[in-house]
């Protein structure tokens, strides 16, 4: 059972992860129909509450909710009272008065979704909190890997880039190792520091050390706002030492999978020719993101909805 909320993958049982991924496979079929809508969440209200900019994750959650026939409300923080000093809890109380069934929240502060989950009865789905976790991204990445290899057990996944500040990396590390995968990480010393040794990973410091061993190479977005601030001198230097170009890709096995959570910086962490290559599954990740978020909303809200179980409506 998934429980009341989706806050993190750390500590999530293997059986629960499998249930989510299996459900997402069913949900993916909805997107292949002529009419891409089923009724399980009819009458439910899903609110998206994003305190950080997002396009992919926010749109994906909203589309997932609509495909399940839920109503959606996007709470625009940039034009809300939070810009006037209103606290997170006051904003949440306002939303509570609107009687939502689930709130999808992204916040710059780690633990913000946990605070809401403790204080309000509606379901909370963490869409990224600080540098803590981004659980739905980790789940969609695992689904994408499972699609290709059939199982996560025994696979080697290399995560390259700013692992230190990446909530995507943390969710993937916890989820993948729970499912029996081996995770190795690599990045500059300022982005892949010694304290990561507390996570169930093997550490390297050059991309060349990991590409030969990997079944999957996952590149992390280099956030330009961090460049030139003592973390990394320049995007060009990063591309030279840690970017995945065709020459490095040829060092890997012929069946290696290339992933990226997006948005991508072409020519920095990933070459344009690699991003568009047959080994890239970046667009598959987007498709799987909708399916995984449909599965999460269904498992959290669907059991007692009027249309529960009605996934097989006529096309």
Protein backbone atom coordinates (compact mmCIF):
# COMPACT_ATOMS: atom_id res chain seq x y z
CA UNK A 1 0.00 0.00 0.00
CA UNK A 2 1.23 3.47 -0.88
CA UNK A 3 -0.08 5.18 2.27
CA UNK A 4 -1.63 8.64 2.67
CA UNK A 5 1.04 10.74 0.92
CA UNK A 6 3.96 10.50 -1.49
CA UNK A 7 6.82 12.34 0.18
CA UNK A 8 10.01 10.41 -0.59
CA UNK A 9 11.41 7.15 -1.91
CA UNK A 10 13.77 6.65 1.00
CA UNK A 11 12.28 3.88 3.08
CA UNK A 12 9.59 2.98 0.53
CA UNK A 13 9.23 -0.82 0.40
CA UNK A 14 10.17 -2.67 -2.74
CA UNK A 15 6.61 -4.02 -3.01
CA UNK A 16 5.17 -0.50 -3.04
CA UNK A 17 7.54 0.67 -5.76
CA UNK A 18 6.61 -2.37 -7.83
CA UNK A 19 2.90 -1.66 -7.34
CA UNK A 20 3.35 1.93 -8.55
CA UNK A 21 5.36 0.90 -11.61
CA UNK A 22 2.91 -1.86 -12.51
CA UNK A 23 -0.01 0.56 -12.19
CA UNK A 24 1.84 3.11 -14.34
CA UNK A 25 2.12 0.54 -17.11
CA UNK A 26 -1.66 0.28 -17.16
CA UNK A 27 -2.02 4.06 -17.13
CA UNK A 28 0.33 4.41 -20.07
CA UNK A 29 -2.19 2.55 -22.20
CA UNK A 30 -4.68 5.38 -21.65
CA UNK A 31 -2.36 7.77 -23.48
CA UNK A 32 -2.37 5.50 -26.53
CA UNK A 33 -6.14 5.63 -26.95
CA UNK A 34 -8.10 7.88 -29.24
CA UNK A 35 -9.93 9.28 -26.20
CA UNK A 36 -7.22 9.78 -23.58
CA UNK A 37 -9.48 9.96 -20.55
CA UNK A 38 -10.89 7.57 -17.95
CA UNK A 39 -13.27 8.31 -15.03
CA UNK A 40 -11.66 7.05 -11.78
CA UNK A 41 -11.12 10.49 -10.23
CA UNK A 42 -14.30 12.16 -11.42
CA UNK A 43 -15.37 14.76 -8.85
CA UNK A 44 -11.93 14.97 -7.20
CA UNK A 45 -9.95 18.22 -6.93
CA UNK A 46 -6.18 18.22 -7.39
CA UNK A 47 -4.32 21.47 -6.60
CA UNK A 48 -0.81 22.22 -7.89
CA UNK A 49 1.12 24.48 -5.51
CA UNK A 50 4.54 25.34 -6.94
CA UNK A 51 6.82 27.79 -5.12
CA UNK A 52 9.54 27.22 -7.76
CA UNK A 53 9.31 27.50 -11.52
CA UNK A 54 8.46 24.30 -13.32
CA UNK A 55 7.12 23.36 -16.72
CA UNK A 56 7.53 19.61 -17.11
CA UNK A 57 6.56 18.41 -13.65
CA UNK A 58 3.65 20.79 -13.16
CA UNK A 59 2.21 20.17 -16.62
CA UNK A 60 2.69 16.43 -16.22
CA UNK A 61 0.78 16.30 -12.91
CA UNK A 62 -2.03 18.46 -14.29
CA UNK A 63 -2.36 16.34 -17.43
CA UNK A 64 -2.28 13.16 -15.32
CA UNK A 65 -5.13 14.46 -13.17
CA UNK A 66 -7.21 15.48 -16.19
CA UNK A 67 -6.73 12.10 -17.87
CA UNK A 68 -8.23 10.56 -14.74
CA UNK A 69 -11.16 13.05 -14.95
CA UNK A 70 -10.18 15.05 -11.85
CA UNK A 71 -10.68 18.79 -11.64
CA UNK A 72 -7.45 20.79 -11.35
CA UNK A 73 -6.57 24.12 -9.81
CA UNK A 74 -3.19 25.73 -10.38
CA UNK A 75 -2.28 28.02 -7.50
CA UNK A 76 -0.06 30.75 -8.95
CA UNK A 77 2.37 31.57 -6.16
CA UNK A 78 4.02 34.38 -8.15
CA UNK A 79 0.78 36.38 -8.07
CA UNK A 80 -0.52 35.14 -4.73
CA UNK A 81 -0.27 36.63 -1.25
CA UNK A 82 3.00 34.77 -0.64
CA UNK A 83 4.71 37.62 -2.49
CA UNK A 84 3.32 39.89 0.20
CA UNK A 85 4.73 37.88 3.05
CA UNK A 86 2.08 35.21 3.60
CA UNK A 87 3.50 32.02 5.14
CA UNK A 88 3.31 28.54 3.66
CA UNK A 89 0.89 27.48 6.39
CA UNK A 90 -1.41 30.46 5.76
CA UNK A 91 -1.42 29.67 2.06
CA UNK A 92 -2.20 26.04 2.87
CA UNK A 93 -5.10 27.06 5.12
CA UNK A 94 -6.56 29.07 2.25
CA UNK A 95 -6.31 26.03 -0.02
CA UNK A 96 -7.83 23.86 2.72
CA UNK A 97 -10.92 26.05 2.66
CA UNK A 98 -11.32 25.13 -1.03
CA UNK A 99 -11.67 21.46 0.02
CA UNK A 100 -9.07 19.82 -2.22
CA UNK A 101 -8.49 16.08 -2.29
CA UNK A 102 -4.79 16.26 -3.14
CA UNK A 103 -2.11 18.94 -3.31
CA UNK A 104 1.01 18.60 -5.44
CA UNK A 105 3.66 20.85 -3.92
CA UNK A 106 7.13 22.01 -4.95
CA UNK A 107 9.09 24.17 -2.55
CA UNK A 108 12.67 25.40 -2.19
CA UNK A 109 12.76 24.30 1.46
CA UNK A 110 13.38 20.63 2.19
CA UNK A 111 10.59 19.23 4.32
CA UNK A 112 7.84 21.62 3.20
CA UNK A 113 5.61 18.80 1.81
CA UNK A 114 6.10 16.86 5.06
CA UNK A 115 4.88 19.89 7.03
CA UNK A 116 1.70 20.04 4.96
CA UNK A 117 1.17 16.28 5.22
CA UNK A 118 1.34 16.43 9.02
CA UNK A 119 -1.11 19.31 9.33
CA UNK A 120 -3.77 18.72 6.68
CA UNK A 121 -6.00 15.76 5.77
CA UNK A 122 -5.61 15.93 2.02
CA UNK A 123 -3.09 13.84 0.13
CA UNK A 124 0.27 15.51 -0.43
CA UNK A 125 2.49 14.65 -3.38
CA UNK A 126 6.03 15.97 -3.22
CA UNK A 127 7.03 17.46 -6.58
CA UNK A 128 10.48 18.43 -5.29
CA UNK A 129 11.56 19.93 -1.96
CA UNK A 130 14.89 21.72 -1.77
CA UNK A 131 17.75 19.29 -2.30
CA UNK A 132 15.87 16.53 -0.50
CA UNK A 133 13.86 14.43 -2.99
CA UNK A 134 11.77 14.41 -6.16
CA UNK A 135 10.05 11.01 -5.82
CA UNK A 136 7.84 11.00 -8.93
CA UNK A 137 10.91 11.72 -11.08
CA UNK A 138 12.73 8.80 -9.53
CA UNK A 139 9.75 6.54 -10.20
CA UNK A 140 9.40 7.56 -13.84
CA UNK A 141 13.12 7.00 -14.33
CA UNK A 142 12.82 3.52 -12.84
CA UNK A 143 9.86 2.74 -15.10
CA UNK A 144 11.88 3.85 -18.14
CA UNK A 145 14.80 1.62 -17.18
CA UNK A 146 12.51 -1.32 -16.44
CA UNK A 147 10.86 -0.93 -19.85
CA UNK A 148 14.19 -1.59 -21.57
CA UNK A 149 15.79 -4.20 -19.34
CA UNK A 150 12.74 -5.93 -17.87
CA UNK A 151 14.07 -5.58 -14.35
CA UNK A 152 16.10 -3.16 -12.23
CA UNK A 153 17.81 -5.96 -10.34
CA UNK A 154 21.55 -6.09 -11.03
CA UNK A 155 21.63 -3.11 -13.40
CA UNK A 156 24.36 -0.48 -13.06
CA UNK A 157 23.16 3.12 -13.21
CA UNK A 158 25.69 5.96 -13.44
CA UNK A 159 24.48 9.39 -12.30
CA UNK A 160 26.76 12.17 -13.51
CA UNK A 161 26.77 15.83 -12.59
CA UNK A 162 25.70 17.99 -9.66
CA UNK A 163 24.72 15.09 -7.43
CA UNK A 164 25.29 17.18 -4.31
CA UNK A 165 22.40 19.56 -5.00
CA UNK A 166 20.14 17.15 -6.92
CA UNK A 167 16.84 15.95 -5.45
CA UNK A 168 16.43 13.87 -8.62
CA UNK A 169 19.66 12.03 -7.83
CA UNK A 170 18.62 11.32 -4.25
CA UNK A 171 15.25 9.86 -5.20
CA UNK A 172 16.88 7.73 -7.88
CA UNK A 173 19.56 6.52 -5.49
CA UNK A 174 17.07 5.40 -2.86
CA UNK A 175 14.62 3.91 -5.33
CA UNK A 176 17.12 2.12 -7.55
CA UNK A 177 19.10 0.55 -4.71
CA UNK A 178 15.88 -0.61 -3.06
CA UNK A 179 15.05 -2.39 -6.32
CA UNK A 180 18.45 -4.09 -6.45
CA UNK A 181 20.35 -1.82 -8.84
CA UNK A 182 23.94 -0.67 -8.39
CA UNK A 183 24.39 3.12 -8.45
CA UNK A 184 27.66 4.90 -9.18
CA UNK A 185 27.97 8.69 -9.17
CA UNK A 186 30.51 11.03 -10.69
CA UNK A 187 31.02 14.77 -10.77
CA UNK A 188 33.38 17.58 -9.84
CA UNK A 189 34.53 17.64 -6.23
CA UNK A 190 32.33 20.65 -5.52
CA UNK A 191 29.26 18.81 -6.81
CA UNK A 192 30.01 15.29 -5.59
CA UNK A 193 31.49 15.71 -2.15
CA UNK A 194 32.62 13.14 0.37
CA UNK A 195 29.44 13.31 2.47
CA UNK A 196 27.61 11.52 -0.34
CA UNK A 197 29.41 8.41 0.88
CA UNK A 198 26.57 8.19 3.42
CA UNK A 199 24.27 7.24 0.54
CA UNK A 200 24.25 3.71 -0.95
CA UNK A 201 26.44 4.71 -3.91
CA UNK A 202 29.92 4.19 -5.29
CA UNK A 203 31.75 7.45 -5.96
CA UNK A 204 33.92 8.37 -8.93
CA UNK A 205 35.22 11.74 -10.07
CA UNK A 206 35.39 11.49 -13.86
CA UNK A 207 32.75 10.49 -16.35
CA UNK A 208 35.28 8.25 -18.11
CA UNK A 209 35.41 6.08 -14.96
CA UNK A 210 31.70 5.26 -15.11
CA UNK A 211 30.62 5.04 -18.77
CA UNK A 212 32.33 1.70 -19.42
CA UNK A 213 30.52 -0.03 -16.54
CA UNK A 214 27.06 1.47 -16.92
CA UNK A 215 23.86 0.01 -18.31
CA UNK A 216 22.33 3.46 -17.84
CA UNK A 217 23.97 6.89 -17.90
CA UNK A 218 21.83 9.55 -16.25
CA UNK A 219 23.00 13.12 -16.80
CA UNK A 220 21.90 15.83 -14.38
CA UNK A 221 21.14 19.37 -15.46
CA UNK A 222 23.87 21.86 -14.64
CA UNK A 223 22.11 24.84 -13.14
CA UNK A 224 23.63 27.92 -14.73
CA UNK A 225 22.95 29.95 -11.60
CA UNK A 226 25.60 27.86 -9.83
CA UNK A 227 28.30 28.36 -12.46
CA UNK A 228 30.98 30.89 -11.67
CA UNK A 229 30.17 30.93 -7.95
CA UNK A 230 32.93 28.70 -6.70
CA UNK A 231 31.10 25.54 -7.74
CA UNK A 232 32.34 25.39 -11.33
CA UNK A 233 34.38 27.94 -13.29
CA UNK A 234 32.46 27.69 -16.57
CA UNK A 235 30.01 25.66 -18.65
CA UNK A 236 32.78 25.04 -21.19
CA UNK A 237 35.04 23.48 -18.57
CA UNK A 238 32.22 21.27 -17.35
CA UNK A 239 31.46 20.09 -20.89
CA UNK A 240 35.13 19.24 -21.44
CA UNK A 241 35.53 17.11 -18.34
CA UNK A 242 32.03 15.81 -17.57
CA UNK A 243 29.83 16.24 -20.63
CA UNK A 244 28.62 13.17 -22.49
CA UNK A 245 29.55 13.53 -26.15
CA UNK A 246 29.63 10.89 -28.89
CA UNK A 247 33.27 10.03 -28.23
CA UNK A 248 32.50 9.16 -24.61
CA UNK A 249 29.28 7.40 -25.56
CA UNK A 250 31.29 5.08 -27.83
CA UNK A 251 33.25 4.00 -24.75
CA UNK A 252 30.06 2.56 -23.30
CA UNK A 253 28.33 -0.66 -24.26
CA UNK A 254 26.16 -0.73 -27.40
CA UNK A 255 22.95 -1.14 -25.35
CA UNK A 256 23.62 1.67 -22.87
CA UNK A 257 20.64 3.91 -22.12
CA UNK A 258 21.08 7.71 -21.87
CA UNK A 259 18.73 9.61 -19.58
CA UNK A 260 18.20 13.22 -18.50
CA UNK A 261 15.45 14.66 -16.28
CA UNK A 262 15.28 17.84 -18.37
CA UNK A 263 15.41 20.55 -19.32
CA UNK A 264 18.67 19.75 -21.06
CA UNK A 265 21.60 22.08 -21.66
CA UNK A 266 22.82 20.97 -25.07
CA UNK A 267 26.57 21.13 -25.34
CA UNK A 268 27.07 21.25 -21.57
CA UNK A 269 26.11 18.05 -19.75
CA UNK A 270 25.00 16.33 -22.94
CA UNK A 271 25.95 16.74 -26.59
CA UNK A 272 23.18 17.51 -29.05
CA UNK A 273 24.01 14.41 -31.08
CA UNK A 274 23.78 12.26 -27.94
CA UNK A 275 20.47 13.80 -26.85
CA UNK A 276 18.98 12.97 -30.24
CA UNK A 277 20.60 9.55 -30.59
CA UNK A 278 18.85 6.17 -30.61
CA UNK A 279 20.26 5.49 -27.15
CA UNK A 280 18.55 8.52 -25.66
CA UNK A 281 15.23 7.92 -23.86
CA UNK A 282 14.60 11.51 -22.80
CA UNK A 283 11.23 11.72 -24.56
CA UNK A 284 10.24 8.31 -23.17
CA UNK A 285 10.87 9.75 -19.71
CA UNK A 286 8.34 12.51 -20.45
CA UNK A 287 5.71 10.00 -21.56
CA UNK A 288 6.38 7.81 -18.53
CA UNK A 289 6.15 10.84 -16.26
CA UNK A 290 2.47 11.26 -17.11
CA UNK A 291 1.81 7.54 -16.57
CA UNK A 292 3.59 7.46 -13.20
CA UNK A 293 1.76 10.55 -11.95
CA UNK A 294 -1.54 9.07 -13.08
CA UNK A 295 -0.65 5.94 -11.11
CA UNK A 296 0.21 7.95 -8.00
CA UNK A 297 -3.01 9.96 -8.10
CA UNK A 298 -5.04 6.81 -8.75
CA UNK A 299 -3.44 4.87 -5.90
CA UNK A 300 -3.78 7.78 -3.46
CA UNK A 301 -7.29 8.90 -4.41
CA UNK A 302 -8.94 6.30 -6.59
CA UNK A 303 -10.01 3.59 -4.19
CA UNK A 304 -13.04 5.46 -2.83
CA UNK A 305 -13.90 7.58 -5.88
CA UNK A 306 -17.20 7.17 -7.79
CA UNK A 307 -15.40 5.79 -10.86
CA UNK A 308 -12.84 3.66 -9.03
CA UNK A 309 -11.61 0.75 -11.09
CA UNK A 310 -13.02 2.14 -14.33
CA UNK A 311 -9.82 2.16 -16.30
CA UNK A 312 -11.30 0.35 -19.26
CA UNK A 313 -13.83 2.87 -20.49
CA UNK A 314 -14.56 2.63 -24.21
CA UNK A 315 -12.11 4.37 -26.50
